[in-house]
Amino acid sequence: MSGFEGSFLGAKDRISPQAIMECKICWTPYDPAQGDDFRQVEPGTPFTDLPHDWSCPTCSGDKSQFMVLSDAGADALREAARVKAVTDRLVADFTEVFHGKMRDVPIVNKALKVQAVGFRAHQGNLLGVLVSQWFMNLILLPDGDDWSDLIAGEKEVIDFPSGAYEFIQNTREQIGGYKACSLFSPMGQFKDQASAVEVAEAVMRALFDPAHRAGTDRATDIRAAREAELAPPPEAPAAPTRRAVVTGALSQAHPGVGADGCWTQATLP
């Protein structure tokens, strides 16, 4: 796990919850499926969730000196790390946009931050939701392909199990080419980051559910229905609900938002 040492040494990001660990002193294994009767650790407890003072039940060897015996979740862990490396660049890029262009714009919601939610491999690309202080978009990123020739502002309709949705192409120096489909902009209806992430996660689930496919299968009809459902009452803005996200599909892009997710000067006070 750590060069010649080979021990766990607290490196939680290097083992999955399925990892079976082994004491390198007496070779006693810890299997998360079985737990530890001696210390009253329930079956299903990952090695990384053991109490900080847990030690080998046979020789009292320190938890940090256990080694990986087998890890059925290793491939998934490596894939998650690979995807995170890509989305970290995406988050860093739009965090820079916020500080450089958007921080003092009145429409930003400063209770929020830039966060990548639910990104996964999809038909040779990476798909997920990007939450920011001023928009929430579905994002498609290339996974090994070169999208540097995308034309900023060019539109294309992409089909998913729940329907067909309009994406806008764009390129940025830090992350290269990508495609974005607007969900919300601005973000004033979200009270905190947790509520925005919950909606983003609901979008990712609904996107792949054929039960939400519109009868006409037209993106414009889907967005129109969603806009109507999300429209707040005149007296007070309403936070979007899980039902609104799942039943209404995706919202229409705000006309003042550019292809890079920034509001254009024409819409600013």
Protein backbone atom coordinates (compact mmCIF):
# COMPACT_ATOMS: atom_id res chain seq x y z
CA MET A 1 0.00 0.00 0.00
CA SER A 2 2.87 2.38 0.69
CA GLY A 3 6.05 1.36 -1.10
CA PHE A 4 8.02 -1.46 0.53
CA GLU A 5 6.09 -1.07 3.78
CA GLY A 6 2.99 -2.60 2.22
CA SER A 7 0.77 -1.66 5.19
CA PHE A 8 -2.55 0.16 5.32
CA LEU A 9 -1.15 3.14 7.28
CA GLY A 10 -4.53 4.86 7.26
CA ALA A 11 -4.72 5.27 3.47
CA LYS A 12 -8.52 5.09 3.27
CA ASP A 13 -8.61 6.26 -0.33
CA ARG A 14 -6.69 3.17 -1.49
CA ILE A 15 -9.04 0.42 -0.36
CA SER A 16 -12.74 -0.11 -1.06
CA PRO A 17 -15.42 -1.03 1.51
CA GLN A 18 -15.10 -4.63 0.26
CA ALA A 19 -11.40 -4.98 1.08
CA ILE A 20 -10.40 -8.01 3.15
CA MET A 21 -7.40 -7.03 5.25
CA GLU A 22 -4.75 -9.16 6.94
CA CYS A 23 -2.56 -8.55 9.97
CA LYS A 24 1.04 -8.68 8.77
CA ILE A 25 2.22 -9.87 12.19
CA CYS A 26 0.02 -12.93 12.78
CA TRP A 27 -1.88 -13.15 9.44
CA THR A 28 -5.31 -12.80 11.04
CA PRO A 29 -7.78 -11.56 8.40
CA TYR A 30 -10.51 -8.96 8.80
CA ASP A 31 -13.45 -9.62 6.48
CA PRO A 32 -16.04 -6.78 6.43
CA ALA A 33 -18.76 -9.31 5.60
CA GLN A 34 -18.14 -11.00 8.96
CA GLY A 35 -17.15 -8.09 11.19
CA ASP A 36 -15.40 -8.80 14.49
CA ASP A 37 -17.26 -10.62 17.28
CA PHE A 38 -14.39 -10.02 19.71
CA ARG A 39 -14.83 -6.23 19.50
CA GLN A 40 -18.58 -6.37 18.75
CA VAL A 41 -18.10 -4.95 15.25
CA GLU A 42 -21.21 -5.64 13.18
CA PRO A 43 -21.00 -7.63 9.90
CA GLY A 44 -20.91 -5.25 6.93
CA THR A 45 -18.51 -2.80 8.60
CA PRO A 46 -15.71 -1.79 6.18
CA PHE A 47 -12.17 -1.86 7.51
CA THR A 48 -11.95 1.92 7.09
CA ASP A 49 -14.96 2.36 9.42
CA LEU A 50 -13.47 0.40 12.32
CA PRO A 51 -12.98 2.39 15.56
CA HIS A 52 -9.68 4.27 15.71
CA ASP A 53 -8.54 2.13 18.64
CA TRP A 54 -9.40 -1.18 16.97
CA SER A 55 -6.52 -3.67 16.85
CA CYS A 56 -5.92 -7.23 15.72
CA PRO A 57 -8.09 -9.56 17.86
CA THR A 58 -5.33 -12.18 17.86
CA CYS A 59 -2.06 -10.30 18.51
CA SER A 60 -3.29 -6.74 19.20
CA GLY A 61 -1.34 -5.49 16.20
CA ASP A 62 -2.13 -1.91 15.23
CA LYS A 63 -4.84 -1.35 12.62
CA SER A 64 -2.45 0.69 10.47
CA GLN A 65 -0.22 -2.38 10.00
CA PHE A 66 -2.85 -4.47 8.21
CA MET A 67 -2.33 -5.26 4.52
CA VAL A 68 -4.76 -5.92 1.67
CA LEU A 69 -5.48 -9.62 1.29
CA SER A 70 -8.06 -9.11 -1.46
CA ASP A 71 -10.27 -6.27 -2.65
CA ALA A 72 -13.26 -7.03 -4.89
CA GLY A 73 -14.00 -3.33 -5.17
CA ALA A 74 -10.53 -2.32 -6.36
CA ASP A 75 -11.55 -1.87 -10.02
CA ALA A 76 -14.50 0.34 -9.07
CA LEU A 77 -12.24 2.34 -6.76
CA ARG A 78 -9.73 2.94 -9.55
CA GLU A 79 -12.52 3.97 -11.93
CA ALA A 80 -13.90 6.40 -9.36
CA ALA A 81 -10.42 7.89 -8.90
CA ARG A 82 -10.02 8.26 -12.68
CA VAL A 83 -13.37 10.03 -13.04
CA LYS A 84 -12.60 12.25 -10.05
CA ALA A 85 -9.34 13.37 -11.65
CA VAL A 86 -11.33 14.65 -14.64
CA THR A 87 -14.12 16.27 -12.64
CA ASP A 88 -11.63 17.91 -10.29
CA ARG A 89 -10.33 19.88 -13.29
CA LEU A 90 -13.91 20.81 -14.20
CA VAL A 91 -14.62 22.04 -10.68
CA ALA A 92 -11.33 23.96 -10.54
CA ASP A 93 -12.09 25.65 -13.87
CA PHE A 94 -15.56 26.88 -12.91
CA THR A 95 -14.40 27.84 -9.42
CA GLU A 96 -11.93 30.11 -11.17
CA VAL A 97 -14.76 31.46 -13.35
CA PHE A 98 -16.74 32.28 -10.21
CA HIS A 99 -13.88 34.20 -8.60
CA GLY A 100 -12.81 35.88 -11.84
CA LYS A 101 -16.16 36.81 -13.41
CA MET A 102 -19.20 35.93 -11.31
CA ARG A 103 -18.46 36.58 -7.63
CA ASP A 104 -19.90 40.11 -7.59
CA VAL A 105 -22.80 39.48 -9.99
CA PRO A 106 -26.11 39.95 -8.08
CA ILE A 107 -27.72 36.73 -9.32
CA VAL A 108 -25.16 34.36 -7.77
CA ASN A 109 -26.18 32.29 -4.75
CA LYS A 110 -23.26 32.49 -2.35
CA ALA A 111 -24.70 29.72 -0.17
CA LEU A 112 -23.54 27.34 -2.91
CA LYS A 113 -20.20 26.19 -4.31
CA VAL A 114 -19.00 24.51 -7.49
CA GLN A 115 -19.42 20.73 -7.20
CA ALA A 116 -19.47 17.79 -9.63
CA VAL A 117 -22.31 15.39 -8.83
CA GLY A 118 -22.91 11.82 -10.01
CA PHE A 119 -20.40 11.68 -12.86
CA ARG A 120 -20.16 8.27 -14.53
CA ALA A 121 -19.11 6.64 -17.78
CA HIS A 122 -21.82 6.90 -20.44
CA GLN A 123 -21.45 5.70 -24.03
CA GLY A 124 -17.74 6.42 -24.16
CA ASN A 125 -18.05 9.79 -22.41
CA LEU A 126 -18.41 11.06 -18.84
CA LEU A 127 -21.83 12.37 -17.77
CA GLY A 128 -22.89 14.15 -14.60
CA VAL A 129 -24.27 17.34 -13.11
CA LEU A 130 -22.24 20.44 -12.36
CA VAL A 131 -23.63 22.59 -9.55
CA SER A 132 -22.41 26.17 -9.21
CA GLN A 133 -23.43 29.43 -7.57
CA TRP A 134 -25.22 30.56 -10.74
CA PHE A 135 -26.26 27.46 -12.70
CA MET A 136 -26.87 23.72 -12.57
CA ASN A 137 -26.10 21.90 -15.83
CA LEU A 138 -25.89 18.38 -17.14
CA ILE A 139 -22.34 18.03 -18.46
CA LEU A 140 -20.91 15.62 -21.03
CA LEU A 141 -17.12 15.33 -21.09
CA PRO A 142 -15.03 13.31 -23.55
CA ASP A 143 -13.40 10.19 -22.12
CA GLY A 144 -10.23 9.88 -24.17
CA ASP A 145 -11.59 11.57 -27.30
CA ASP A 146 -10.57 15.02 -28.54
CA TRP A 147 -13.45 17.51 -28.49
CA SER A 148 -11.30 20.57 -29.16
CA ASP A 149 -13.08 21.13 -32.47
CA LEU A 150 -16.50 21.70 -30.87
CA ILE A 151 -18.12 24.97 -31.93
CA ALA A 152 -19.10 27.16 -28.98
CA GLY A 153 -22.85 27.75 -28.99
CA GLU A 154 -23.62 24.91 -31.41
CA LYS A 155 -26.68 22.94 -30.29
CA GLU A 156 -27.39 19.23 -30.52
CA VAL A 157 -30.13 16.97 -29.19
CA ILE A 158 -28.95 13.90 -27.28
CA ASP A 159 -31.22 10.97 -26.46
CA PHE A 160 -31.51 9.34 -23.03
CA PRO A 161 -33.95 6.72 -21.71
CA SER A 162 -36.15 9.49 -20.28
CA GLY A 163 -36.18 11.57 -23.47
CA ALA A 164 -34.20 13.79 -25.83
CA TYR A 165 -32.49 16.91 -24.46
CA GLU A 166 -30.75 19.86 -26.02
CA PHE A 167 -27.04 20.33 -25.24
CA ILE A 168 -24.85 23.32 -26.12
CA GLN A 169 -21.25 22.76 -27.16
CA ASN A 170 -18.38 24.75 -25.71
CA THR A 171 -14.63 24.62 -25.15
CA ARG A 172 -12.48 25.96 -22.33
CA GLU A 173 -8.70 26.09 -22.12
CA GLN A 174 -8.45 24.10 -18.88
CA ILE A 175 -10.90 21.27 -19.62
CA GLY A 176 -11.17 21.36 -23.42
CA GLY A 177 -14.44 20.61 -25.21
CA TYR A 178 -17.64 19.74 -23.37
CA LYS A 179 -21.41 19.77 -23.83
CA ALA A 180 -23.90 21.31 -21.39
CA CYS A 181 -27.67 21.07 -20.89
CA SER A 182 -29.19 23.72 -18.62
CA LEU A 183 -31.19 22.56 -15.61
CA PHE A 184 -31.43 25.70 -13.46
CA SER A 185 -30.18 29.27 -13.82
CA PRO A 186 -30.04 31.33 -11.69
CA MET A 187 -29.84 29.30 -8.46
CA GLY A 188 -31.72 31.50 -6.01
CA GLN A 189 -34.30 28.83 -5.19
CA PHE A 190 -31.74 26.62 -3.43
CA LYS A 191 -31.27 27.34 0.27
CA ASP A 192 -28.02 25.40 0.66
CA GLN A 193 -25.54 23.08 -1.06
CA ALA A 194 -27.21 19.92 0.25
CA SER A 195 -30.55 20.77 -1.38
CA ALA A 196 -28.86 21.53 -4.71
CA VAL A 197 -26.92 18.25 -4.62
CA GLU A 198 -30.10 16.33 -3.77
CA VAL A 199 -31.81 17.72 -6.86
CA ALA A 200 -28.74 16.98 -9.00
CA GLU A 201 -28.73 13.36 -7.81
CA ALA A 202 -32.47 13.08 -8.54
CA VAL A 203 -31.86 14.39 -12.07
CA MET A 204 -29.24 11.69 -12.71
CA ARG A 205 -31.66 8.98 -11.57
CA ALA A 206 -34.60 10.34 -13.57
CA LEU A 207 -32.49 10.78 -16.69
CA PHE A 208 -32.12 7.02 -17.09
CA ASP A 209 -35.68 6.09 -16.14
CA PRO A 210 -37.84 5.38 -19.23
CA ALA A 211 -40.96 5.98 -17.12
CA HIS A 212 -40.29 9.72 -17.43
CA ARG A 213 -40.13 9.70 -21.22
CA ALA A 214 -42.55 12.24 -22.69
CA GLY A 215 -45.22 10.91 -25.00
CA THR A 216 -44.11 13.23 -27.81
CA ASP A 217 -40.44 12.71 -26.97
CA ARG A 218 -39.73 16.34 -27.80
CA ALA A 219 -37.20 18.19 -25.66
CA THR A 220 -39.04 21.50 -26.03
CA ASP A 221 -42.29 20.03 -24.70
CA ILE A 222 -40.44 18.47 -21.76
CA ARG A 223 -38.74 21.72 -20.85
CA ALA A 224 -42.00 23.69 -21.18
CA ALA A 225 -43.77 21.31 -18.79
CA ARG A 226 -40.93 21.59 -16.32
CA GLU A 227 -40.87 25.39 -16.46
CA ALA A 228 -44.58 25.49 -15.66
CA GLU A 229 -44.18 23.16 -12.70
CA LEU A 230 -41.20 25.04 -11.26
CA ALA A 231 -42.74 28.51 -11.65
CA PRO A 232 -42.81 30.07 -8.14
CA PRO A 233 -45.90 31.86 -6.79
CA PRO A 234 -45.75 35.66 -7.19
CA GLU A 235 -45.45 36.33 -3.47
CA ALA A 236 -42.41 34.11 -2.76
CA PRO A 237 -39.87 31.97 -4.63
CA ALA A 238 -40.31 28.24 -4.17
CA ALA A 239 -37.49 25.73 -3.81
CA PRO A 240 -37.53 22.95 -6.44
CA THR A 241 -38.84 19.66 -5.14
CA ARG A 242 -37.72 16.11 -5.89
CA ARG A 243 -41.10 15.57 -7.61
CA ALA A 244 -40.52 18.58 -9.85
CA VAL A 245 -37.19 17.23 -10.97
CA VAL A 246 -38.35 13.69 -11.61
CA THR A 247 -41.69 14.43 -13.28
CA GLY A 248 -40.72 17.58 -15.13
CA ALA A 249 -37.40 16.49 -16.68
CA LEU A 250 -35.17 19.44 -17.60
CA SER A 251 -35.67 23.18 -17.58
CA GLN A 252 -35.06 25.57 -20.44
CA ALA A 253 -31.72 27.36 -20.59
CA HIS A 254 -31.95 30.97 -19.46
CA PRO A 255 -31.56 33.25 -22.50
CA GLY A 256 -28.98 35.33 -20.66
CA VAL A 257 -26.60 32.46 -20.01
CA GLY A 258 -23.71 31.97 -22.41
CA ALA A 259 -22.31 28.66 -23.61
CA ASP A 260 -19.71 28.72 -20.82
CA GLY A 261 -22.34 29.05 -18.09
CA CYS A 262 -21.61 32.75 -17.52
CA TRP A 263 -24.30 35.41 -17.75
CA THR A 264 -23.86 37.70 -20.70
CA GLN A 265 -23.36 41.42 -20.18
CA ALA A 266 -26.71 42.20 -21.83
CA THR A 267 -28.57 40.60 -18.93
CA LEU A 268 -26.63 42.18 -16.10
CA PRO A 269 -27.85 45.31 -14.34
